[in-house]
Amino acid sequence: MLYSREKIVAAVKSKGYVYFEDNSNKSYDVNIIGVRNSEPGNKVTNLFDDIITISYKDEKGVWQYHEWMNTTDPGKKGVQLFEQYGVKDGVARVVPGQYRGSHMIGLHQGKYEALKQKSPIKVYRDGNKDLVYDETKITEGVYGINIHKAGQDSTWVENWSLGCQVFKRVKDFDEFMKIVKKSKNIHGNSFTYTLLVSNDIK
């Protein structure tokens, strides 16, 4: 693993965000936290070079922490061909921050269960197709910024993401969904998503 729960907690709290400590004696009050790789800067790598984490207390009150490879960035096809996918103002890239109650379990593109955006998220908009992510134009809204899966074990992001947070491997996504479904049964169908960048983590 690249990180630990303790390092993630410290980074979340250093930003003034909420970390759910699960003090209600109920299990599976999940913290879903993405970590964008800061090393490439704003260059489009087209790689699954980010991390998504989840941490929570299990039924015995023991903290559990998982992390998986994902992308928090749109891929090369998404950046250069966004109009073909019905996007008008440039491809979306989530602005780091905490988005309380932003997601729910629902169908991704009507096909399979994933975490579906249900309330506004801030995104950068990149319309010049130069394979460098722009961070000058920010919009906020419900854009279908879902948390879903790519292929069995995908190498390139391409159009798997036009702003979505996407798991590299199906088996990792399936493990994630088992956890969030348990959380839904206890706490309801509302999930907070927090996005950090790797240089936030000490």
N, C-alpha and C. Protein backbone atom coordinates (compact mmCIF):
# COMPACT_ATOMS: atom_id res chain seq x y z
N MET A 1 0.83 -1.20 0.00
CA MET A 1 0.00 0.00 0.00
C MET A 1 0.87 1.25 0.00
N LEU A 2 0.38 2.30 -0.65
CA LEU A 2 1.12 3.55 -0.68
C LEU A 2 0.98 4.35 0.61
N TYR A 3 -0.19 4.25 1.21
CA TYR A 3 -0.48 5.10 2.37
C TYR A 3 -0.94 4.23 3.53
N SER A 4 -1.43 4.88 4.56
CA SER A 4 -2.02 4.20 5.70
C SER A 4 -3.25 5.00 6.11
N ARG A 5 -4.10 4.38 6.89
CA ARG A 5 -5.28 5.10 7.36
C ARG A 5 -4.88 6.34 8.15
N GLU A 6 -3.85 6.19 8.97
CA GLU A 6 -3.43 7.31 9.81
C GLU A 6 -2.97 8.50 8.99
N LYS A 7 -2.25 8.24 7.92
CA LYS A 7 -1.80 9.34 7.06
C LYS A 7 -2.96 10.00 6.33
N ILE A 8 -3.91 9.19 5.89
CA ILE A 8 -5.10 9.73 5.23
C ILE A 8 -5.89 10.60 6.20
N VAL A 9 -6.08 10.10 7.42
CA VAL A 9 -6.83 10.87 8.43
C VAL A 9 -6.15 12.21 8.68
N ALA A 10 -4.83 12.18 8.84
CA ALA A 10 -4.09 13.42 9.12
C ALA A 10 -4.26 14.43 7.99
N ALA A 11 -4.20 13.94 6.74
CA ALA A 11 -4.34 14.84 5.59
C ALA A 11 -5.75 15.41 5.51
N VAL A 12 -6.76 14.57 5.75
CA VAL A 12 -8.15 15.03 5.71
C VAL A 12 -8.38 16.11 6.77
N LYS A 13 -7.92 15.85 7.97
CA LYS A 13 -8.15 16.80 9.06
C LYS A 13 -7.33 18.09 8.88
N SER A 14 -6.16 17.97 8.25
CA SER A 14 -5.35 19.17 8.02
C SER A 14 -6.03 20.15 7.07
N LYS A 15 -6.94 19.62 6.25
CA LYS A 15 -7.71 20.46 5.31
C LYS A 15 -8.99 21.01 5.95
N GLY A 16 -9.25 20.60 7.17
CA GLY A 16 -10.48 21.03 7.82
C GLY A 16 -11.70 20.24 7.39
N TYR A 17 -11.48 19.09 6.74
CA TYR A 17 -12.59 18.26 6.30
C TYR A 17 -13.03 17.33 7.44
N VAL A 18 -14.19 16.75 7.28
CA VAL A 18 -14.72 15.81 8.26
C VAL A 18 -14.20 14.40 7.94
N TYR A 19 -13.76 13.71 9.00
CA TYR A 19 -13.44 12.28 8.90
C TYR A 19 -14.40 11.56 9.84
N PHE A 20 -15.16 10.63 9.31
CA PHE A 20 -16.20 9.98 10.09
C PHE A 20 -15.59 8.94 11.02
N GLU A 21 -15.67 9.22 12.32
CA GLU A 21 -15.02 8.37 13.33
C GLU A 21 -15.92 7.23 13.79
N ASP A 22 -17.19 7.26 13.42
CA ASP A 22 -18.11 6.17 13.75
C ASP A 22 -18.22 5.97 15.26
N ASN A 23 -18.58 7.03 15.96
CA ASN A 23 -18.70 6.96 17.42
C ASN A 23 -20.09 6.54 17.88
N SER A 24 -20.94 6.15 16.96
CA SER A 24 -22.33 5.82 17.29
C SER A 24 -22.53 4.34 17.59
N ASN A 25 -21.43 3.58 17.63
CA ASN A 25 -21.47 2.13 17.80
C ASN A 25 -22.13 1.41 16.63
N LYS A 26 -22.24 2.13 15.50
CA LYS A 26 -22.69 1.51 14.27
C LYS A 26 -21.48 1.32 13.36
N SER A 27 -21.41 0.20 12.69
CA SER A 27 -20.27 -0.07 11.82
C SER A 27 -20.50 0.49 10.42
N TYR A 28 -19.44 0.51 9.63
CA TYR A 28 -19.49 0.85 8.20
C TYR A 28 -19.92 2.29 7.92
N ASP A 29 -19.51 3.22 8.79
CA ASP A 29 -19.67 4.64 8.48
C ASP A 29 -18.44 5.03 7.65
N VAL A 30 -18.54 4.87 6.35
CA VAL A 30 -17.35 4.83 5.48
C VAL A 30 -16.80 6.23 5.16
N ASN A 31 -15.49 6.28 5.02
CA ASN A 31 -14.76 7.44 4.51
C ASN A 31 -14.21 7.06 3.14
N ILE A 32 -14.73 7.68 2.09
CA ILE A 32 -14.30 7.40 0.72
C ILE A 32 -13.43 8.57 0.28
N ILE A 33 -12.14 8.28 0.06
CA ILE A 33 -11.18 9.36 -0.16
C ILE A 33 -10.28 9.00 -1.35
N GLY A 34 -10.31 9.84 -2.37
CA GLY A 34 -9.43 9.69 -3.51
C GLY A 34 -8.15 10.48 -3.31
N VAL A 35 -7.06 9.99 -3.90
CA VAL A 35 -5.77 10.68 -3.82
C VAL A 35 -5.22 10.81 -5.24
N ARG A 36 -5.22 12.04 -5.75
CA ARG A 36 -4.69 12.31 -7.08
C ARG A 36 -3.17 12.38 -7.03
N ASN A 37 -2.51 11.68 -7.93
CA ASN A 37 -1.05 11.69 -8.02
C ASN A 37 -0.57 13.08 -8.47
N SER A 38 0.19 13.76 -7.63
CA SER A 38 0.63 15.12 -7.96
C SER A 38 1.90 15.14 -8.80
N GLU A 39 2.59 14.00 -8.95
CA GLU A 39 3.88 13.98 -9.64
C GLU A 39 3.80 14.40 -11.11
N PRO A 40 2.78 14.00 -11.88
CA PRO A 40 2.75 14.43 -13.29
C PRO A 40 2.38 15.89 -13.47
N GLY A 41 2.04 16.59 -12.40
CA GLY A 41 1.55 17.95 -12.56
C GLY A 41 0.22 17.95 -13.29
N ASN A 42 0.10 18.80 -14.30
CA ASN A 42 -1.16 18.87 -15.05
C ASN A 42 -1.11 18.13 -16.38
N LYS A 43 -0.08 17.32 -16.59
CA LYS A 43 0.02 16.57 -17.84
C LYS A 43 -0.92 15.37 -17.83
N VAL A 44 -1.53 15.10 -18.97
CA VAL A 44 -2.40 13.94 -19.11
C VAL A 44 -1.53 12.69 -19.27
N THR A 45 -1.56 11.81 -18.27
CA THR A 45 -0.75 10.58 -18.36
C THR A 45 -1.52 9.45 -19.04
N ASN A 46 -2.86 9.51 -19.01
CA ASN A 46 -3.72 8.46 -19.53
C ASN A 46 -3.58 7.15 -18.75
N LEU A 47 -3.03 7.23 -17.52
CA LEU A 47 -2.78 6.06 -16.69
C LEU A 47 -3.69 6.06 -15.47
N PHE A 48 -3.90 4.87 -14.94
CA PHE A 48 -4.58 4.73 -13.66
C PHE A 48 -3.54 4.90 -12.55
N ASP A 49 -3.09 6.14 -12.37
CA ASP A 49 -1.96 6.40 -11.47
C ASP A 49 -2.38 7.14 -10.20
N ASP A 50 -3.66 7.02 -9.85
CA ASP A 50 -4.18 7.60 -8.62
C ASP A 50 -4.64 6.47 -7.70
N ILE A 51 -5.16 6.85 -6.54
CA ILE A 51 -5.59 5.87 -5.54
C ILE A 51 -6.97 6.26 -5.04
N ILE A 52 -7.81 5.27 -4.78
CA ILE A 52 -9.03 5.52 -4.04
C ILE A 52 -8.98 4.66 -2.78
N THR A 53 -9.37 5.25 -1.65
CA THR A 53 -9.30 4.56 -0.38
C THR A 53 -10.68 4.54 0.27
N ILE A 54 -10.86 3.57 1.15
CA ILE A 54 -12.06 3.55 2.00
C ILE A 54 -11.63 3.05 3.37
N SER A 55 -12.14 3.69 4.39
CA SER A 55 -11.84 3.27 5.76
C SER A 55 -13.09 3.37 6.60
N TYR A 56 -13.20 2.47 7.58
CA TYR A 56 -14.42 2.34 8.37
C TYR A 56 -14.15 1.37 9.52
N LYS A 57 -15.02 1.40 10.51
CA LYS A 57 -15.00 0.38 11.57
C LYS A 57 -15.90 -0.78 11.17
N ASP A 58 -15.39 -2.00 11.36
CA ASP A 58 -16.19 -3.18 11.05
C ASP A 58 -17.13 -3.52 12.21
N GLU A 59 -17.78 -4.67 12.11
CA GLU A 59 -18.77 -5.07 13.11
C GLU A 59 -18.19 -5.21 14.51
N LYS A 60 -16.89 -5.46 14.59
CA LYS A 60 -16.22 -5.62 15.89
C LYS A 60 -15.62 -4.32 16.40
N GLY A 61 -15.85 -3.23 15.65
CA GLY A 61 -15.29 -1.95 16.07
C GLY A 61 -13.84 -1.76 15.71
N VAL A 62 -13.33 -2.59 14.81
CA VAL A 62 -11.92 -2.53 14.39
C VAL A 62 -11.83 -1.73 13.09
N TRP A 63 -10.91 -0.80 13.05
CA TRP A 63 -10.73 0.01 11.84
C TRP A 63 -10.21 -0.84 10.69
N GLN A 64 -10.81 -0.66 9.53
CA GLN A 64 -10.38 -1.30 8.30
C GLN A 64 -10.00 -0.22 7.29
N TYR A 65 -8.96 -0.51 6.49
CA TYR A 65 -8.49 0.45 5.48
C TYR A 65 -8.16 -0.31 4.21
N HIS A 66 -8.66 0.18 3.09
CA HIS A 66 -8.38 -0.41 1.79
C HIS A 66 -7.97 0.70 0.82
N GLU A 67 -7.12 0.36 -0.12
CA GLU A 67 -6.81 1.30 -1.20
C GLU A 67 -6.65 0.53 -2.50
N TRP A 68 -7.06 1.17 -3.58
CA TRP A 68 -7.01 0.53 -4.89
C TRP A 68 -6.56 1.54 -5.95
N MET A 69 -6.02 1.04 -7.04
CA MET A 69 -5.60 1.88 -8.15
C MET A 69 -6.83 2.38 -8.90
N ASN A 70 -6.80 3.67 -9.23
CA ASN A 70 -7.91 4.25 -9.99
C ASN A 70 -7.39 5.46 -10.75
N THR A 71 -8.30 6.16 -11.39
CA THR A 71 -7.97 7.47 -11.95
C THR A 71 -8.96 8.49 -11.41
N THR A 72 -8.45 9.64 -11.03
CA THR A 72 -9.31 10.78 -10.68
C THR A 72 -9.32 11.79 -11.82
N ASP A 73 -8.69 11.44 -12.92
CA ASP A 73 -8.52 12.35 -14.06
C ASP A 73 -9.12 11.76 -15.33
N PRO A 74 -9.66 12.59 -16.20
CA PRO A 74 -10.12 12.10 -17.50
C PRO A 74 -8.96 11.60 -18.35
N GLY A 75 -9.25 10.66 -19.25
CA GLY A 75 -8.22 10.09 -20.10
C GLY A 75 -8.02 10.87 -21.40
N LYS A 76 -7.11 10.36 -22.19
CA LYS A 76 -6.71 11.05 -23.43
C LYS A 76 -7.88 11.24 -24.39
N LYS A 77 -8.66 10.19 -24.61
CA LYS A 77 -9.82 10.34 -25.51
C LYS A 77 -10.82 11.32 -24.94
N GLY A 78 -11.03 11.27 -23.62
CA GLY A 78 -11.95 12.21 -23.00
C GLY A 78 -11.52 13.65 -23.18
N VAL A 79 -10.22 13.90 -23.03
CA VAL A 79 -9.68 15.26 -23.15
C VAL A 79 -9.79 15.77 -24.59
N GLN A 80 -9.46 14.91 -25.56
CA GLN A 80 -9.35 15.36 -26.94
C GLN A 80 -10.64 15.21 -27.75
N LEU A 81 -11.54 14.34 -27.31
CA LEU A 81 -12.74 14.04 -28.11
C LEU A 81 -14.02 14.26 -27.31
N PHE A 82 -13.98 15.20 -26.35
CA PHE A 82 -15.11 15.32 -25.42
C PHE A 82 -16.44 15.60 -26.12
N GLU A 83 -16.41 16.32 -27.27
CA GLU A 83 -17.68 16.63 -27.97
C GLU A 83 -18.38 15.35 -28.43
N GLN A 84 -17.59 14.34 -28.76
CA GLN A 84 -18.19 13.08 -29.23
C GLN A 84 -19.00 12.39 -28.14
N TYR A 85 -18.74 12.78 -26.90
CA TYR A 85 -19.43 12.16 -25.77
C TYR A 85 -20.49 13.10 -25.17
N GLY A 86 -20.87 14.10 -25.95
CA GLY A 86 -21.95 14.98 -25.54
C GLY A 86 -21.57 16.08 -24.57
N VAL A 87 -20.25 16.35 -24.44
CA VAL A 87 -19.77 17.40 -23.53
C VAL A 87 -19.51 18.66 -24.36
N LYS A 88 -20.01 19.79 -23.90
CA LYS A 88 -19.91 21.03 -24.68
C LYS A 88 -18.78 21.95 -24.24
N ASP A 89 -18.54 22.06 -22.95
CA ASP A 89 -17.65 23.11 -22.44
C ASP A 89 -16.26 22.64 -22.07
N GLY A 90 -15.89 21.45 -22.49
CA GLY A 90 -14.57 20.91 -22.15
C GLY A 90 -14.71 19.81 -21.11
N VAL A 91 -13.76 18.90 -21.14
CA VAL A 91 -13.82 17.74 -20.26
C VAL A 91 -13.71 18.19 -18.80
N ALA A 92 -14.36 17.42 -17.91
CA ALA A 92 -14.38 17.76 -16.48
C ALA A 92 -13.27 17.05 -15.73
N ARG A 93 -12.76 17.73 -14.68
CA ARG A 93 -11.77 17.16 -13.77
C ARG A 93 -12.12 17.66 -12.37
N VAL A 94 -12.39 16.76 -11.46
CA VAL A 94 -12.89 17.15 -10.13
C VAL A 94 -11.87 18.03 -9.41
N VAL A 95 -12.35 19.12 -8.83
CA VAL A 95 -11.52 20.00 -8.01
C VAL A 95 -11.34 19.34 -6.65
N PRO A 96 -10.11 19.21 -6.15
CA PRO A 96 -9.91 18.62 -4.82
C PRO A 96 -10.77 19.32 -3.77
N GLY A 97 -11.35 18.54 -2.90
CA GLY A 97 -12.21 19.07 -1.85
C GLY A 97 -13.02 17.95 -1.24
N GLN A 98 -13.90 18.33 -0.33
CA GLN A 98 -14.81 17.35 0.28
C GLN A 98 -16.24 17.69 -0.14
N TYR A 99 -16.92 16.68 -0.64
CA TYR A 99 -18.27 16.85 -1.17
C TYR A 99 -19.23 16.00 -0.34
N ARG A 100 -19.88 16.66 0.64
CA ARG A 100 -20.71 15.96 1.60
C ARG A 100 -21.99 15.44 0.92
N GLY A 101 -22.26 14.18 1.13
CA GLY A 101 -23.48 13.58 0.58
C GLY A 101 -23.59 13.67 -0.92
N SER A 102 -22.46 13.58 -1.60
CA SER A 102 -22.43 13.82 -3.05
C SER A 102 -22.87 12.63 -3.89
N HIS A 103 -22.85 11.43 -3.32
CA HIS A 103 -23.09 10.22 -4.11
C HIS A 103 -24.10 9.30 -3.45
N MET A 104 -24.66 8.44 -4.27
CA MET A 104 -25.57 7.40 -3.82
C MET A 104 -25.36 6.17 -4.70
N ILE A 105 -25.77 5.03 -4.20
CA ILE A 105 -25.74 3.84 -5.04
C ILE A 105 -26.86 3.93 -6.07
N GLY A 106 -26.47 3.82 -7.33
CA GLY A 106 -27.42 3.89 -8.43
C GLY A 106 -26.79 3.28 -9.66
N LEU A 107 -27.48 3.31 -10.77
CA LEU A 107 -26.97 2.69 -11.98
C LEU A 107 -26.06 3.65 -12.74
N HIS A 108 -24.86 3.19 -13.08
CA HIS A 108 -23.96 3.96 -13.93
C HIS A 108 -24.36 3.74 -15.39
N GLN A 109 -24.76 4.82 -16.04
CA GLN A 109 -25.23 4.78 -17.42
C GLN A 109 -26.34 3.76 -17.61
N GLY A 110 -27.11 3.51 -16.56
CA GLY A 110 -28.21 2.57 -16.63
C GLY A 110 -27.80 1.11 -16.72
N LYS A 111 -26.52 0.81 -16.45
CA LYS A 111 -26.00 -0.54 -16.73
C LYS A 111 -25.73 -1.37 -15.48
N TYR A 112 -25.08 -0.82 -14.48
CA TYR A 112 -24.72 -1.60 -13.30
C TYR A 112 -24.60 -0.65 -12.11
N GLU A 113 -24.68 -1.22 -10.90
CA GLU A 113 -24.62 -0.40 -9.70
C GLU A 113 -23.22 0.15 -9.46
N ALA A 114 -23.18 1.43 -9.16
CA ALA A 114 -21.96 2.14 -8.86
C ALA A 114 -22.34 3.27 -7.90
N LEU A 115 -21.38 4.13 -7.57
CA LEU A 115 -21.73 5.33 -6.82
C LEU A 115 -22.01 6.44 -7.82
N LYS A 116 -23.22 6.95 -7.77
CA LYS A 116 -23.71 7.91 -8.75
C LYS A 116 -23.80 9.29 -8.11
N GLN A 117 -23.31 10.30 -8.82
CA GLN A 117 -23.38 11.66 -8.30
C GLN A 117 -24.82 12.09 -8.11
N LYS A 118 -25.12 12.70 -6.94
CA LYS A 118 -26.48 13.16 -6.68
C LYS A 118 -26.56 14.61 -6.24
N SER A 119 -25.43 15.24 -5.94
CA SER A 119 -25.44 16.65 -5.56
C SER A 119 -24.22 17.33 -6.16
N PRO A 120 -24.20 18.67 -6.19
CA PRO A 120 -23.16 19.38 -6.95
C PRO A 120 -21.72 19.10 -6.51
N ILE A 121 -20.86 19.05 -7.51
CA ILE A 121 -19.41 18.90 -7.34
C ILE A 121 -18.74 19.96 -8.20
N LYS A 122 -17.64 20.49 -7.72
CA LYS A 122 -16.87 21.46 -8.51
C LYS A 122 -15.90 20.72 -9.44
N VAL A 123 -15.86 21.19 -10.68
CA VAL A 123 -14.93 20.61 -11.66
C VAL A 123 -14.20 21.72 -12.41
N TYR A 124 -12.96 21.41 -12.77
CA TYR A 124 -12.27 22.23 -13.76
C TYR A 124 -12.81 21.84 -15.13
N ARG A 125 -12.82 22.79 -16.07
CA ARG A 125 -13.23 22.51 -17.44
C ARG A 125 -12.06 22.79 -18.37
N ASP A 126 -11.73 21.80 -19.19
CA ASP A 126 -10.57 21.89 -20.09
C ASP A 126 -11.06 21.72 -21.51
N GLY A 127 -11.00 22.79 -22.31
CA GLY A 127 -11.56 22.73 -23.65
C GLY A 127 -10.57 22.83 -24.80
N ASN A 128 -9.25 22.96 -24.49
CA ASN A 128 -8.32 23.22 -25.61
C ASN A 128 -7.60 21.98 -26.14
N LYS A 129 -7.81 20.83 -25.53
CA LYS A 129 -7.37 19.53 -26.08
C LYS A 129 -5.85 19.41 -26.22
N ASP A 130 -5.08 20.15 -25.43
CA ASP A 130 -3.63 20.13 -25.58
C ASP A 130 -2.93 19.10 -24.69
N LEU A 131 -3.70 18.21 -24.07
CA LEU A 131 -3.19 17.17 -23.17
C LEU A 131 -2.49 17.74 -21.94
N VAL A 132 -2.89 18.93 -21.57
CA VAL A 132 -2.50 19.52 -20.29
C VAL A 132 -3.79 19.98 -19.61
N TYR A 133 -4.04 19.47 -18.42
CA TYR A 133 -5.26 19.84 -17.71
C TYR A 133 -5.23 21.31 -17.33
N ASP A 134 -6.29 22.02 -17.66
CA ASP A 134 -6.41 23.43 -17.29
C ASP A 134 -7.12 23.56 -15.94
N GLU A 135 -6.69 24.53 -15.15
CA GLU A 135 -7.30 24.75 -13.84
C GLU A 135 -7.72 26.21 -13.70
N THR A 136 -8.21 26.78 -14.78
CA THR A 136 -8.62 28.18 -14.76
C THR A 136 -10.13 28.34 -14.70
N LYS A 137 -10.87 27.46 -15.36
CA LYS A 137 -12.32 27.56 -15.40
C LYS A 137 -12.94 26.50 -14.49
N ILE A 138 -13.73 26.94 -13.50
CA ILE A 138 -14.39 26.02 -12.58
C ILE A 138 -15.91 26.19 -12.72
N THR A 139 -16.60 25.07 -12.85
CA THR A 139 -18.05 25.07 -12.81
C THR A 139 -18.50 24.13 -11.70
N GLU A 140 -19.74 24.25 -11.29
CA GLU A 140 -20.28 23.40 -10.22
C GLU A 140 -21.66 22.93 -10.61
N GLY A 141 -21.89 21.63 -10.46
CA GLY A 141 -23.18 21.09 -10.80
C GLY A 141 -23.21 19.58 -10.69
N VAL A 142 -24.30 18.99 -11.15
CA VAL A 142 -24.44 17.54 -11.20
C VAL A 142 -24.17 17.11 -12.64
N TYR A 143 -23.01 16.52 -12.84
CA TYR A 143 -22.53 16.23 -14.20
C TYR A 143 -22.38 14.74 -14.49
N GLY A 144 -22.82 13.89 -13.57
CA GLY A 144 -22.59 12.47 -13.77
C GLY A 144 -21.17 12.07 -13.41
N ILE A 145 -20.61 12.72 -12.39
CA ILE A 145 -19.26 12.37 -11.92
C ILE A 145 -19.40 11.16 -11.00
N ASN A 146 -19.45 10.00 -11.59
CA ASN A 146 -19.70 8.77 -10.85
C ASN A 146 -18.39 8.10 -10.42
N ILE A 147 -18.52 7.16 -9.49
CA ILE A 147 -17.39 6.32 -9.08
C ILE A 147 -17.72 4.93 -9.59
N HIS A 148 -16.98 4.49 -10.61
CA HIS A 148 -17.34 3.25 -11.31
C HIS A 148 -16.09 2.48 -11.72
N LYS A 149 -16.25 1.48 -12.56
CA LYS A 149 -15.14 0.59 -12.94
C LYS A 149 -14.78 0.77 -14.40
N ALA A 150 -13.54 0.40 -14.70
CA ALA A 150 -13.10 0.29 -16.09
C ALA A 150 -13.25 -1.18 -16.50
N GLY A 151 -12.23 -1.75 -17.17
CA GLY A 151 -12.29 -3.15 -17.59
C GLY A 151 -11.76 -4.09 -16.52
N GLN A 152 -11.53 -5.33 -16.91
CA GLN A 152 -11.04 -6.33 -15.95
C GLN A 152 -9.75 -5.86 -15.28
N ASP A 153 -8.82 -5.33 -16.06
CA ASP A 153 -7.58 -4.75 -15.53
C ASP A 153 -7.05 -3.81 -16.61
N SER A 154 -7.59 -2.61 -16.66
CA SER A 154 -7.33 -1.70 -17.76
C SER A 154 -5.96 -1.04 -17.64
N THR A 155 -5.32 -0.81 -18.78
CA THR A 155 -4.01 -0.15 -18.82
C THR A 155 -4.16 1.34 -19.04
N TRP A 156 -5.03 1.73 -19.97
CA TRP A 156 -5.19 3.13 -20.34
C TRP A 156 -6.56 3.65 -19.93
N VAL A 157 -6.60 4.91 -19.55
CA VAL A 157 -7.87 5.52 -19.13
C VAL A 157 -8.74 5.82 -20.35
N GLU A 158 -8.16 6.46 -21.38
CA GLU A 158 -8.87 6.81 -22.60
C GLU A 158 -10.22 7.48 -22.29
N ASN A 159 -11.34 6.85 -22.67
CA ASN A 159 -12.65 7.45 -22.39
C ASN A 159 -13.39 6.74 -21.27
N TRP A 160 -12.66 5.95 -20.45
CA TRP A 160 -13.30 5.40 -19.26
C TRP A 160 -13.71 6.53 -18.32
N SER A 161 -12.94 7.62 -18.36
CA SER A 161 -13.29 8.78 -17.52
C SER A 161 -13.34 10.05 -18.34
N LEU A 162 -14.45 10.78 -18.20
CA LEU A 162 -14.56 12.15 -18.67
C LEU A 162 -14.75 13.06 -17.45
N GLY A 163 -14.24 12.58 -16.32
CA GLY A 163 -14.38 13.28 -15.05
C GLY A 163 -14.71 12.34 -13.91
N CYS A 164 -15.19 11.13 -14.25
CA CYS A 164 -15.52 10.14 -13.23
C CYS A 164 -14.27 9.64 -12.52
N GLN A 165 -14.48 9.08 -11.34
CA GLN A 165 -13.43 8.45 -10.56
C GLN A 165 -13.54 6.95 -10.84
N VAL A 166 -12.53 6.38 -11.49
CA VAL A 166 -12.70 5.08 -12.12
C VAL A 166 -11.67 4.06 -11.62
N PHE A 167 -12.16 2.91 -11.17
CA PHE A 167 -11.30 1.81 -10.73
C PHE A 167 -10.61 1.16 -11.92
N LYS A 168 -9.34 0.83 -11.74
CA LYS A 168 -8.57 0.14 -12.77
C LYS A 168 -9.06 -1.30 -12.97
N ARG A 169 -9.39 -1.97 -11.87
CA ARG A 169 -9.71 -3.40 -11.92
C ARG A 169 -11.14 -3.66 -11.46
N VAL A 170 -11.82 -4.54 -12.15
CA VAL A 170 -13.19 -4.90 -11.80
C VAL A 170 -13.24 -5.53 -10.42
N LYS A 171 -12.29 -6.42 -10.09
CA LYS A 171 -12.36 -7.11 -8.80
C LYS A 171 -12.22 -6.14 -7.64
N ASP A 172 -11.44 -5.08 -7.82
CA ASP A 172 -11.29 -4.07 -6.77
C ASP A 172 -12.60 -3.30 -6.60
N PHE A 173 -13.20 -2.94 -7.71
CA PHE A 173 -14.49 -2.24 -7.67
C PHE A 173 -15.55 -3.08 -6.98
N ASP A 174 -15.58 -4.37 -7.28
CA ASP A 174 -16.57 -5.25 -6.67
C ASP A 174 -16.38 -5.31 -5.16
N GLU A 175 -15.14 -5.34 -4.71
CA GLU A 175 -14.85 -5.34 -3.27
C GLU A 175 -15.33 -4.04 -2.63
N PHE A 176 -15.07 -2.93 -3.30
CA PHE A 176 -15.52 -1.61 -2.84
C PHE A 176 -17.04 -1.57 -2.71
N MET A 177 -17.74 -2.07 -3.72
CA MET A 177 -19.19 -2.00 -3.72
C MET A 177 -19.80 -2.87 -2.62
N LYS A 178 -19.19 -3.99 -2.28
CA LYS A 178 -19.69 -4.80 -1.17
C LYS A 178 -19.67 -4.00 0.13
N ILE A 179 -18.62 -3.21 0.31
CA ILE A 179 -18.49 -2.40 1.52
C ILE A 179 -19.53 -1.30 1.55
N VAL A 180 -19.68 -0.57 0.43
CA VAL A 180 -20.62 0.56 0.45
C VAL A 180 -22.08 0.08 0.54
N LYS A 181 -22.36 -1.10 0.04
CA LYS A 181 -23.72 -1.63 0.18
C LYS A 181 -24.02 -1.96 1.64
N LYS A 182 -23.03 -2.47 2.36
CA LYS A 182 -23.22 -2.69 3.80
C LYS A 182 -23.46 -1.36 4.51
N SER A 183 -22.71 -0.34 4.09
CA SER A 183 -22.89 0.99 4.67
C SER A 183 -24.29 1.52 4.40
N LYS A 184 -24.76 1.35 3.20
CA LYS A 184 -26.11 1.81 2.83
C LYS A 184 -27.17 1.18 3.73
N ASN A 185 -27.03 -0.10 4.00
CA ASN A 185 -28.03 -0.80 4.80
C ASN A 185 -28.09 -0.28 6.24
N ILE A 186 -26.99 0.29 6.72
CA ILE A 186 -26.93 0.79 8.09
C ILE A 186 -27.19 2.28 8.17
N HIS A 187 -26.59 3.05 7.26
CA HIS A 187 -26.58 4.51 7.38
C HIS A 187 -27.42 5.22 6.31
N GLY A 188 -27.92 4.48 5.33
CA GLY A 188 -28.70 5.10 4.26
C GLY A 188 -27.88 5.32 3.00
N ASN A 189 -28.57 5.68 1.95
CA ASN A 189 -27.96 5.76 0.62
C ASN A 189 -27.43 7.16 0.33
N SER A 190 -26.43 7.56 1.09
CA SER A 190 -25.78 8.85 0.87
C SER A 190 -24.32 8.73 1.29
N PHE A 191 -23.42 9.15 0.41
CA PHE A 191 -21.99 8.97 0.64
C PHE A 191 -21.25 10.26 0.33
N THR A 192 -20.29 10.58 1.19
CA THR A 192 -19.42 11.73 0.99
C THR A 192 -18.17 11.29 0.25
N TYR A 193 -17.76 12.10 -0.72
CA TYR A 193 -16.50 11.84 -1.44
C TYR A 193 -15.53 12.98 -1.17
N THR A 194 -14.31 12.62 -0.81
CA THR A 194 -13.25 13.59 -0.56
C THR A 194 -12.11 13.32 -1.53
N LEU A 195 -11.61 14.36 -2.17
CA LEU A 195 -10.48 14.21 -3.08
C LEU A 195 -9.29 15.03 -2.57
N LEU A 196 -8.18 14.33 -2.32
CA LEU A 196 -6.91 14.94 -1.94
C LEU A 196 -5.96 14.85 -3.11
N VAL A 197 -4.81 15.52 -3.00
CA VAL A 197 -3.68 15.30 -3.92
C VAL A 197 -2.55 14.71 -3.09
N SER A 198 -1.70 13.94 -3.74
CA SER A 198 -0.72 13.14 -3.00
C SER A 198 0.24 13.98 -2.18
N ASN A 199 0.54 15.21 -2.61
CA ASN A 199 1.45 16.01 -1.80
C ASN A 199 0.78 16.62 -0.57
N ASP A 200 -0.54 16.33 -0.38
CA ASP A 200 -1.21 16.66 0.88
C ASP A 200 -0.82 15.69 1.99
N ILE A 201 -0.30 14.52 1.61
CA ILE A 201 -0.10 13.42 2.56
C ILE A 201 1.38 13.41 2.97
N LYS A 202 1.61 13.54 4.25
CA LYS A 202 2.98 13.61 4.79
C LYS A 202 3.41 12.28 5.38
